[in-house]
N, C-alpha and C. Protein backbone atom coordinates (compact mmCIF):
# COMPACT_ATOMS: atom_id res chain seq x y z
N UNK A 1 23.42 3.56 58.06
CA UNK A 1 23.46 2.09 57.55
C UNK A 1 22.59 1.83 56.05
N UNK A 2 23.26 1.74 55.35
CA UNK A 2 22.99 1.20 53.94
C UNK A 2 22.09 -0.39 53.56
N UNK A 3 20.76 -0.40 53.03
CA UNK A 3 20.25 -1.23 52.98
C UNK A 3 20.95 -2.38 52.35
N UNK A 4 21.35 -3.59 52.76
CA UNK A 4 22.44 -4.51 52.03
C UNK A 4 21.47 -5.59 50.85
N UNK A 5 21.16 -5.38 49.92
CA UNK A 5 21.05 -6.80 49.35
C UNK A 5 22.11 -7.84 48.61
N UNK A 6 21.62 -9.20 48.53
CA UNK A 6 22.70 -10.28 48.56
C UNK A 6 22.74 -9.93 47.03
N UNK A 7 23.92 -10.27 46.40
CA UNK A 7 24.94 -10.09 45.31
C UNK A 7 23.96 -11.10 43.86
N UNK A 8 23.31 -11.86 44.53
CA UNK A 8 22.37 -12.30 43.74
C UNK A 8 20.96 -11.31 42.86
N UNK A 9 20.26 -10.97 44.36
CA UNK A 9 19.44 -10.08 44.00
C UNK A 9 19.79 -9.31 42.73
N UNK A 10 20.54 -8.63 42.99
CA UNK A 10 21.12 -6.85 42.70
C UNK A 10 21.05 -7.76 41.20
N UNK A 11 21.72 -8.59 41.13
CA UNK A 11 22.14 -9.08 39.45
C UNK A 11 21.04 -9.61 38.85
N UNK A 12 19.81 -9.92 39.55
CA UNK A 12 18.54 -10.47 39.01
C UNK A 12 17.91 -8.69 39.04
N UNK A 13 17.95 -8.18 39.62
CA UNK A 13 17.48 -6.58 39.21
C UNK A 13 17.68 -6.07 37.72
N UNK A 14 19.64 -5.88 38.00
CA UNK A 14 19.83 -5.52 36.82
C UNK A 14 19.47 -6.09 35.55
N UNK A 15 19.27 -7.13 35.78
CA UNK A 15 19.36 -8.17 34.13
C UNK A 15 17.48 -8.05 33.95
N UNK A 16 16.70 -7.25 34.93
CA UNK A 16 15.01 -7.71 34.39
C UNK A 16 15.15 -5.70 33.75
N UNK A 17 14.84 -5.73 32.83
CA UNK A 17 14.06 -4.85 31.86
C UNK A 17 13.17 -4.75 31.52
N UNK A 18 12.97 -3.60 32.12
CA UNK A 18 11.38 -2.29 32.47
C UNK A 18 11.19 -1.44 31.54
N UNK A 19 10.54 -1.81 30.21
CA UNK A 19 10.07 -0.71 29.44
C UNK A 19 9.56 0.60 30.12
N UNK A 20 10.04 1.66 29.44
CA UNK A 20 9.54 2.81 29.95
C UNK A 20 8.18 3.43 29.20
N UNK A 21 7.47 3.83 29.32
CA UNK A 21 6.30 4.27 28.59
C UNK A 21 6.38 5.01 27.58
N UNK A 22 8.05 5.16 27.43
CA UNK A 22 7.95 5.83 25.77
C UNK A 22 8.62 5.10 24.90
N UNK A 23 8.96 3.57 24.98
CA UNK A 23 9.40 2.30 24.96
C UNK A 23 7.79 1.59 24.70
N UNK A 24 7.15 1.45 25.51
CA UNK A 24 6.00 0.66 25.14
C UNK A 24 5.25 1.80 24.44
N UNK A 25 4.98 3.27 24.16
CA UNK A 25 4.86 3.93 22.63
C UNK A 25 5.41 3.29 21.34
N UNK A 26 6.30 3.05 21.75
CA UNK A 26 7.31 2.66 20.08
C UNK A 26 6.82 1.32 20.06
N UNK A 27 7.15 0.25 20.27
CA UNK A 27 6.58 -0.59 20.55
C UNK A 27 4.78 -0.91 19.76
N UNK A 28 3.71 -0.14 20.59
CA UNK A 28 2.86 -0.06 20.58
C UNK A 28 2.51 0.26 18.90
N UNK A 29 2.99 1.55 18.50
CA UNK A 29 3.11 2.19 17.13
C UNK A 29 3.40 1.23 15.74
N UNK A 30 4.77 0.67 16.04
CA UNK A 30 5.10 0.07 15.25
C UNK A 30 4.11 -1.28 14.76
N UNK A 31 3.52 -1.78 15.75
CA UNK A 31 3.01 -3.37 16.21
C UNK A 31 1.21 -2.64 15.21
N UNK A 32 1.15 -1.68 15.56
CA UNK A 32 -0.54 -1.15 15.01
C UNK A 32 -0.62 -0.34 14.07
N UNK A 33 0.02 0.83 14.15
CA UNK A 33 0.13 2.37 13.02
C UNK A 33 0.44 1.42 11.63
N UNK A 34 -0.35 1.83 10.51
CA UNK A 34 0.27 1.27 9.29
C UNK A 34 1.28 2.14 9.06
N UNK A 35 1.97 1.85 8.14
CA UNK A 35 3.19 2.11 7.75
C UNK A 35 4.31 2.12 8.77
N UNK A 36 4.11 1.87 9.86
CA UNK A 36 5.65 2.22 10.93
C UNK A 36 6.34 1.01 10.58
N UNK A 37 5.82 0.17 10.50
CA UNK A 37 6.44 -1.14 10.31
C UNK A 37 7.99 -1.47 9.36
N UNK A 38 7.60 -0.23 8.43
CA UNK A 38 8.10 0.18 6.72
C UNK A 38 9.40 1.33 6.72
N UNK A 39 9.01 1.69 8.25
CA UNK A 39 10.30 2.87 8.35
C UNK A 39 10.99 2.70 9.01
N UNK A 40 12.47 3.13 9.17
CA UNK A 40 13.38 3.09 10.14
C UNK A 40 13.25 3.03 11.79
N UNK A 41 13.51 2.38 12.53
CA UNK A 41 13.18 3.03 13.98
C UNK A 41 13.71 4.93 14.24
N UNK A 42 14.51 4.90 13.85
CA UNK A 42 15.04 6.12 14.05
C UNK A 42 13.62 7.65 13.32
N UNK A 43 13.28 6.74 12.35
CA UNK A 43 12.24 7.64 12.26
C UNK A 43 10.85 7.53 13.20
N UNK A 44 10.66 5.86 13.09
CA UNK A 44 9.03 5.88 14.21
C UNK A 44 9.48 6.84 15.72
N UNK A 45 11.23 6.78 16.32
CA UNK A 45 11.09 7.54 17.67
C UNK A 45 10.93 9.52 16.70
N UNK A 46 11.28 9.97 15.99
CA UNK A 46 10.99 11.05 15.47
C UNK A 46 9.46 10.85 15.16
N UNK A 47 8.68 9.93 15.41
CA UNK A 47 7.51 10.21 15.04
C UNK A 47 6.86 10.26 15.78
N UNK A 48 7.42 9.71 16.76
CA UNK A 48 6.30 9.23 18.27
C UNK A 48 5.61 9.89 18.83
N UNK A 49 6.55 11.42 19.33
CA UNK A 49 6.23 12.68 19.98
C UNK A 49 5.14 12.64 19.05
N UNK A 50 4.69 13.20 18.04
CA UNK A 50 3.33 13.30 17.19
C UNK A 50 1.77 13.21 17.99
N UNK A 51 2.03 11.39 18.20
CA UNK A 51 1.28 10.68 18.94
C UNK A 51 0.90 10.79 20.60
N UNK A 52 -0.15 11.94 20.79
CA UNK A 52 -0.67 12.23 22.21
C UNK A 52 -1.49 10.88 22.92
N UNK A 53 -1.08 10.63 24.26
CA UNK A 53 -1.77 9.60 24.37
C UNK A 53 -2.90 10.51 25.64
N UNK A 54 -4.16 9.92 25.45
CA UNK A 54 -4.90 10.48 26.34
C UNK A 54 -5.81 9.15 26.95
N UNK A 55 -6.66 9.49 27.97
CA UNK A 55 -6.66 8.61 28.98
C UNK A 55 -8.10 8.67 29.08
N UNK A 56 -9.27 8.35 28.73
CA UNK A 56 -11.08 8.44 28.99
C UNK A 56 -11.33 7.04 30.15
N UNK A 57 -12.29 7.76 30.74
CA UNK A 57 -12.75 6.82 31.96
C UNK A 57 -14.57 6.45 31.16
N UNK A 58 -14.97 4.96 32.11
CA UNK A 58 -16.48 4.30 31.17
C UNK A 58 -17.30 5.64 30.90
N UNK A 59 -18.05 5.71 29.85
CA UNK A 59 -18.90 7.02 29.66
C UNK A 59 -18.41 8.25 28.72
N UNK A 60 -17.58 8.46 28.90
CA UNK A 60 -16.55 9.58 28.11
C UNK A 60 -17.08 9.41 26.72
N UNK A 61 -18.06 10.56 25.88
CA UNK A 61 -18.20 10.48 24.60
C UNK A 61 -16.42 11.21 23.92
N UNK A 62 -16.30 9.75 23.71
CA UNK A 62 -14.48 10.06 22.86
C UNK A 62 -15.45 11.59 21.50
N UNK A 63 -16.04 10.53 20.61
CA UNK A 63 -16.48 11.23 19.63
C UNK A 63 -17.77 11.30 19.81
N UNK A 64 -18.09 12.75 19.58
CA UNK A 64 -20.14 12.82 18.87
C UNK A 64 -20.44 12.38 17.64
N UNK A 65 -21.53 12.08 17.13
CA UNK A 65 -22.46 11.77 15.87
C UNK A 65 -22.05 13.49 15.38
N UNK A 66 -22.20 13.31 14.58
CA UNK A 66 -22.39 14.39 13.22
C UNK A 66 -21.03 15.61 13.87
N UNK A 67 -19.91 15.39 14.43
CA UNK A 67 -18.57 15.86 15.02
C UNK A 67 -17.22 15.49 14.00
N UNK A 68 -17.15 17.10 13.89
CA UNK A 68 -15.51 17.32 12.88
C UNK A 68 -14.79 16.63 13.85
N UNK A 69 -13.56 16.33 13.63
CA UNK A 69 -12.74 15.95 14.14
C UNK A 69 -11.27 15.93 13.84
N UNK A 70 -10.27 16.13 14.16
CA UNK A 70 -9.01 16.50 13.68
C UNK A 70 -7.82 14.93 13.67
N UNK A 71 -8.86 14.19 14.56
CA UNK A 71 -7.45 13.28 14.89
C UNK A 71 -8.08 12.05 14.18
N UNK A 72 -6.87 11.04 14.01
CA UNK A 72 -7.18 9.76 14.12
C UNK A 72 -6.52 9.09 15.77
N UNK A 73 -7.47 8.13 15.98
CA UNK A 73 -7.43 7.53 17.23
C UNK A 73 -6.88 5.76 17.42
N UNK A 74 -5.81 5.64 17.91
CA UNK A 74 -5.54 4.06 17.99
C UNK A 74 -5.27 4.01 19.35
N UNK A 75 -6.07 3.09 19.85
CA UNK A 75 -6.82 2.58 20.58
C UNK A 75 -5.32 1.49 21.47
N UNK A 76 -4.77 1.62 22.28
CA UNK A 76 -3.86 1.15 23.98
C UNK A 76 -4.22 0.83 24.13
N UNK A 77 -5.22 0.30 25.17
CA UNK A 77 -6.16 -0.05 25.77
C UNK A 77 -7.22 0.46 26.09
N UNK A 78 -7.97 -1.28 25.83
CA UNK A 78 -9.31 -0.94 26.85
C UNK A 78 -10.48 -0.69 25.64
N UNK A 79 -11.94 -0.54 26.02
CA UNK A 79 -12.91 -1.54 24.39
C UNK A 79 -13.86 0.31 24.56
N UNK A 80 -13.95 0.58 23.34
CA UNK A 80 -15.06 1.79 23.35
C UNK A 80 -15.82 1.24 22.28
N UNK A 81 -17.36 1.77 22.07
CA UNK A 81 -18.30 1.43 21.55
C UNK A 81 -18.87 2.49 20.51
N UNK A 82 -19.23 1.90 19.15
CA UNK A 82 -19.33 2.79 18.13
C UNK A 82 -21.14 2.80 18.26
N UNK A 83 -21.84 3.69 18.09
CA UNK A 83 -23.35 3.71 18.63
C UNK A 83 -23.82 4.59 16.83
N UNK A 84 -24.86 4.41 16.56
CA UNK A 84 -25.83 5.45 16.33
C UNK A 84 -26.82 5.92 17.11
N UNK A 85 -27.39 6.99 16.06
CA UNK A 85 -28.51 7.74 16.56
C UNK A 85 -29.50 6.53 16.42
N UNK A 86 -30.84 6.62 16.61
CA UNK A 86 -32.41 6.03 16.26
C UNK A 86 -33.32 7.06 16.32
N UNK A 87 -33.70 6.80 15.05
CA UNK A 87 -35.14 8.09 14.65
C UNK A 87 -35.77 8.14 15.44
N UNK A 88 -36.42 7.61 16.71
CA UNK A 88 -37.07 7.39 17.73
C UNK A 88 -36.98 6.75 18.75
N UNK A 89 -36.80 7.27 20.00
CA UNK A 89 -36.12 6.65 21.26
C UNK A 89 -36.47 5.40 21.54
N UNK A 90 -35.76 4.87 22.31
CA UNK A 90 -36.01 3.35 22.30
C UNK A 90 -36.81 2.80 23.24
N UNK A 91 -37.90 3.66 23.91
CA UNK A 91 -38.70 3.51 24.68
C UNK A 91 -39.65 2.93 23.96
N UNK A 92 -39.91 2.88 23.03
CA UNK A 92 -40.82 2.96 21.83
C UNK A 92 -40.42 1.58 21.43
N UNK A 93 -39.32 0.51 21.44
CA UNK A 93 -39.00 -0.02 20.06
C UNK A 93 -38.12 -1.43 21.81
N UNK A 94 -38.01 -0.84 22.85
CA UNK A 94 -37.27 -1.90 23.67
C UNK A 94 -37.05 -3.01 23.59
N UNK A 95 -38.34 -3.70 23.04
CA UNK A 95 -38.46 -4.97 23.52
C UNK A 95 -37.60 -5.81 22.03
N UNK A 96 -36.65 -4.85 21.23
CA UNK A 96 -35.84 -5.24 20.16
C UNK A 96 -34.27 -4.91 20.15
N UNK A 97 -34.29 -4.54 21.68
CA UNK A 97 -32.52 -4.39 21.97
C UNK A 97 -32.75 -4.76 23.61
N UNK A 98 -31.23 -5.75 23.25
CA UNK A 98 -30.99 -5.64 24.99
C UNK A 98 -30.66 -4.66 25.64
N UNK A 99 -29.49 -4.41 26.55
CA UNK A 99 -29.20 -3.54 27.64
C UNK A 99 -28.00 -3.66 26.80
N UNK A 100 -27.33 -4.46 26.81
CA UNK A 100 -25.94 -3.84 26.10
C UNK A 100 -26.28 -3.55 24.63
N UNK A 101 -27.54 -3.19 24.77
CA UNK A 101 -27.00 -2.50 22.58
C UNK A 101 -27.41 -1.37 22.69
N UNK A 102 -27.69 -0.89 23.55
CA UNK A 102 -28.20 0.75 24.07
C UNK A 102 -27.35 1.15 25.16
N UNK A 103 -27.09 2.17 24.25
CA UNK A 103 -26.03 3.40 24.80
C UNK A 103 -27.26 3.89 25.97
N UNK A 104 -27.89 4.89 25.55
CA UNK A 104 -28.96 5.41 26.17
C UNK A 104 -30.44 5.39 25.32
N UNK A 105 -31.43 6.23 25.54
CA UNK A 105 -32.40 6.27 24.80
C UNK A 105 -32.32 6.30 23.69
N UNK A 106 -31.97 7.39 22.96
CA UNK A 106 -31.44 7.58 21.76
C UNK A 106 -30.54 7.02 20.41
N UNK A 107 -29.79 6.08 21.23
CA UNK A 107 -28.11 5.07 20.42
C UNK A 107 -28.12 4.16 20.91
N UNK A 108 -28.03 3.35 19.72
CA UNK A 108 -28.22 1.66 19.64
C UNK A 108 -26.19 1.31 19.22
N UNK A 109 -25.65 0.24 19.77
CA UNK A 109 -23.92 -0.13 19.72
C UNK A 109 -24.29 -0.51 18.83
N UNK A 110 -23.56 -0.64 17.17
CA UNK A 110 -23.10 -1.29 16.54
C UNK A 110 -22.08 -1.73 16.31
N UNK A 111 -21.41 -1.96 17.53
CA UNK A 111 -20.22 -2.54 17.15
C UNK A 111 -19.25 -1.97 18.30
N UNK A 112 -17.66 -2.34 18.46
CA UNK A 112 -16.91 -2.34 19.33
C UNK A 112 -15.31 -2.33 19.22
N UNK A 113 -14.28 -1.71 19.18
CA UNK A 113 -13.31 -1.23 18.87
C UNK A 113 -12.49 -1.47 20.38
N UNK A 114 -11.30 -2.60 20.14
CA UNK A 114 -10.34 -2.54 21.49
C UNK A 114 -9.08 -2.17 21.05
N UNK A 115 -8.14 -2.94 21.76
CA UNK A 115 -6.82 -2.65 21.54
C UNK A 115 -5.94 -2.80 20.10
N UNK A 116 -5.30 -2.17 19.55
CA UNK A 116 -5.23 -1.72 17.87
C UNK A 116 -5.38 -1.51 17.19
N UNK A 117 -6.63 -1.24 17.37
CA UNK A 117 -7.32 -0.94 16.29
C UNK A 117 -7.89 0.34 16.23
N UNK A 118 -7.87 1.37 15.24
CA UNK A 118 -8.26 2.78 15.19
C UNK A 118 -9.77 3.65 15.17
N UNK A 119 -9.77 4.67 15.14
CA UNK A 119 -11.75 5.18 14.53
C UNK A 119 -11.12 6.63 14.69
N UNK A 120 -11.52 7.21 13.58
CA UNK A 120 -11.61 8.83 13.38
C UNK A 120 -10.83 8.99 12.25
N UNK A 121 -10.67 8.44 11.20
CA UNK A 121 -10.08 8.16 10.07
C UNK A 121 -10.78 9.46 9.12
N UNK A 122 -11.77 8.25 9.21
CA UNK A 122 -12.52 9.49 8.35
C UNK A 122 -12.76 11.00 8.00
N UNK A 123 -13.25 10.95 9.86
CA UNK A 123 -13.77 12.15 9.96
C UNK A 123 -12.21 13.03 9.83
N UNK A 124 -11.60 12.83 9.97
CA UNK A 124 -10.00 13.54 10.20
C UNK A 124 -9.77 14.16 8.94
N UNK A 125 -9.48 12.34 8.09
CA UNK A 125 -8.80 12.36 7.06
C UNK A 125 -9.35 12.93 5.82
N UNK A 126 -11.11 12.78 5.76
CA UNK A 126 -11.56 12.83 4.84
C UNK A 126 -12.49 14.47 4.60
N UNK A 127 -12.51 15.02 6.09
CA UNK A 127 -13.71 15.98 6.93
C UNK A 127 -14.58 15.72 6.64
N UNK A 128 -15.30 14.32 6.68
CA UNK A 128 -16.68 14.00 7.08
C UNK A 128 -17.00 14.37 8.27
N UNK A 129 -17.93 13.92 8.49
CA UNK A 129 -19.17 14.12 10.13
C UNK A 129 -18.71 12.87 10.16
N UNK A 130 -19.01 12.78 12.02
CA UNK A 130 -18.83 11.98 12.67
C UNK A 130 -20.40 10.76 12.17
N UNK A 131 -19.90 9.23 11.85
CA UNK A 131 -21.01 8.84 11.41
C UNK A 131 -21.41 7.88 12.99
N UNK A 132 -20.77 8.10 14.03
CA UNK A 132 -20.70 7.46 15.03
C UNK A 132 -21.00 8.04 16.28
N UNK A 133 -21.64 8.02 17.38
CA UNK A 133 -20.79 7.57 18.78
C UNK A 133 -19.99 6.78 19.64
N UNK A 134 -18.57 7.77 19.49
CA UNK A 134 -17.55 6.82 20.05
C UNK A 134 -17.34 6.63 21.56
N UNK A 135 -17.97 5.79 22.47
CA UNK A 135 -18.28 5.90 23.87
C UNK A 135 -16.84 5.38 24.67
N UNK A 136 -16.22 5.31 25.30
CA UNK A 136 -15.97 4.25 26.67
C UNK A 136 -16.48 3.56 27.34
N UNK A 137 -16.23 2.27 26.76
CA UNK A 137 -16.87 0.94 27.45
C UNK A 137 -16.11 0.38 28.71
N UNK A 138 -14.68 0.36 28.70
CA UNK A 138 -13.99 0.00 29.91
C UNK A 138 -14.03 0.93 31.10
N UNK A 139 -13.18 0.33 32.24
CA UNK A 139 -12.94 1.54 33.37
C UNK A 139 -12.26 2.40 32.71
N UNK A 140 -11.14 1.68 31.80
CA UNK A 140 -10.08 2.68 31.59
C UNK A 140 -10.01 2.62 29.75
N UNK A 141 -9.74 3.58 29.40
CA UNK A 141 -9.47 3.59 28.06
C UNK A 141 -8.29 4.24 27.83
N UNK A 142 -7.40 3.65 26.86
CA UNK A 142 -6.15 4.87 26.69
C UNK A 142 -6.23 4.94 25.00
N UNK A 143 -5.75 5.86 24.68
CA UNK A 143 -5.55 6.22 23.03
C UNK A 143 -4.04 7.07 22.78
N UNK A 144 -4.07 6.62 21.75
CA UNK A 144 -2.61 7.65 21.24
C UNK A 144 -3.73 8.27 19.96
N UNK A 145 -3.24 9.66 19.95
CA UNK A 145 -4.17 10.06 18.47
C UNK A 145 -2.95 11.12 17.91
N UNK A 146 -3.15 11.24 16.72
CA UNK A 146 -2.86 12.23 16.26
C UNK A 146 -3.18 12.91 15.23
N UNK A 147 -2.81 14.18 14.57
CA UNK A 147 -3.26 14.77 14.09
C UNK A 147 -3.29 14.98 12.39
N UNK A 148 -4.66 14.97 12.06
CA UNK A 148 -4.52 15.38 10.18
C UNK A 148 -3.42 15.15 9.90
N UNK A 149 -2.70 16.96 10.42
CA UNK A 149 -1.83 17.58 9.21
C UNK A 149 -0.85 16.53 9.32
N UNK A 150 -0.36 16.79 10.89
CA UNK A 150 0.79 15.44 10.85
C UNK A 150 0.34 13.54 10.76
N UNK A 151 0.03 13.43 10.90
CA UNK A 151 -0.63 12.10 9.83
C UNK A 151 -0.10 12.24 8.59
N UNK A 152 -0.89 13.90 7.66
CA UNK A 152 -0.82 13.38 6.26
C UNK A 152 0.26 13.80 5.96
N UNK A 153 1.02 14.61 6.53
CA UNK A 153 2.84 15.13 6.41
C UNK A 153 4.00 13.85 6.59
N UNK A 154 3.41 13.47 7.81
CA UNK A 154 4.72 12.02 7.62
C UNK A 154 3.86 10.82 7.43
N UNK A 155 2.70 10.34 7.76
CA UNK A 155 2.58 8.98 7.20
C UNK A 155 2.07 8.77 5.98
N UNK A 156 1.09 9.71 5.44
CA UNK A 156 0.25 9.76 4.14
C UNK A 156 0.67 10.58 3.19
N UNK A 157 2.20 11.41 3.15
CA UNK A 157 2.29 12.37 2.07
C UNK A 157 3.61 12.22 1.38
N UNK A 158 3.57 10.74 1.69
CA UNK A 158 5.01 10.01 0.91
C UNK A 158 6.27 10.64 1.17
N UNK A 159 6.58 11.43 3.10
CA UNK A 159 7.91 12.11 3.28
C UNK A 159 8.74 11.13 3.83
N UNK A 160 7.66 9.30 4.04
CA UNK A 160 8.18 8.40 5.03
C UNK A 160 9.08 7.49 4.03
């Protein structure tokens, strides 16, 4: 025997629209990625496949100091820290910094990024080495990343 639901419940379920992960991604890209609002929805839908979703857990080093990377990252959820290396280990100057400011004994947190913010653009676009260590602060950090080639071709190359 099939389950029976009252007609009102079926109507309510049919009216509620749950966004798919692809729709959530499109909404995020339109809201936070530069120039996405200036192009048609069809173009955004074509471009969204170039953005790869990645998930990191707390403590994961997404981008290391001095590293070259070919991606620009847009934070969908969670928070990351930006830390710079210290010339000498923190144990010599611990009184000057709180525990929140320390990544380890060799780095100092100088900033935090959260939903809607991006990082890696200087490293990817200008081929510069990373000037910060980027580390996941939240239990779960979700990002959409796009490669330099895709970004320049579709967003920065005048093809939009």
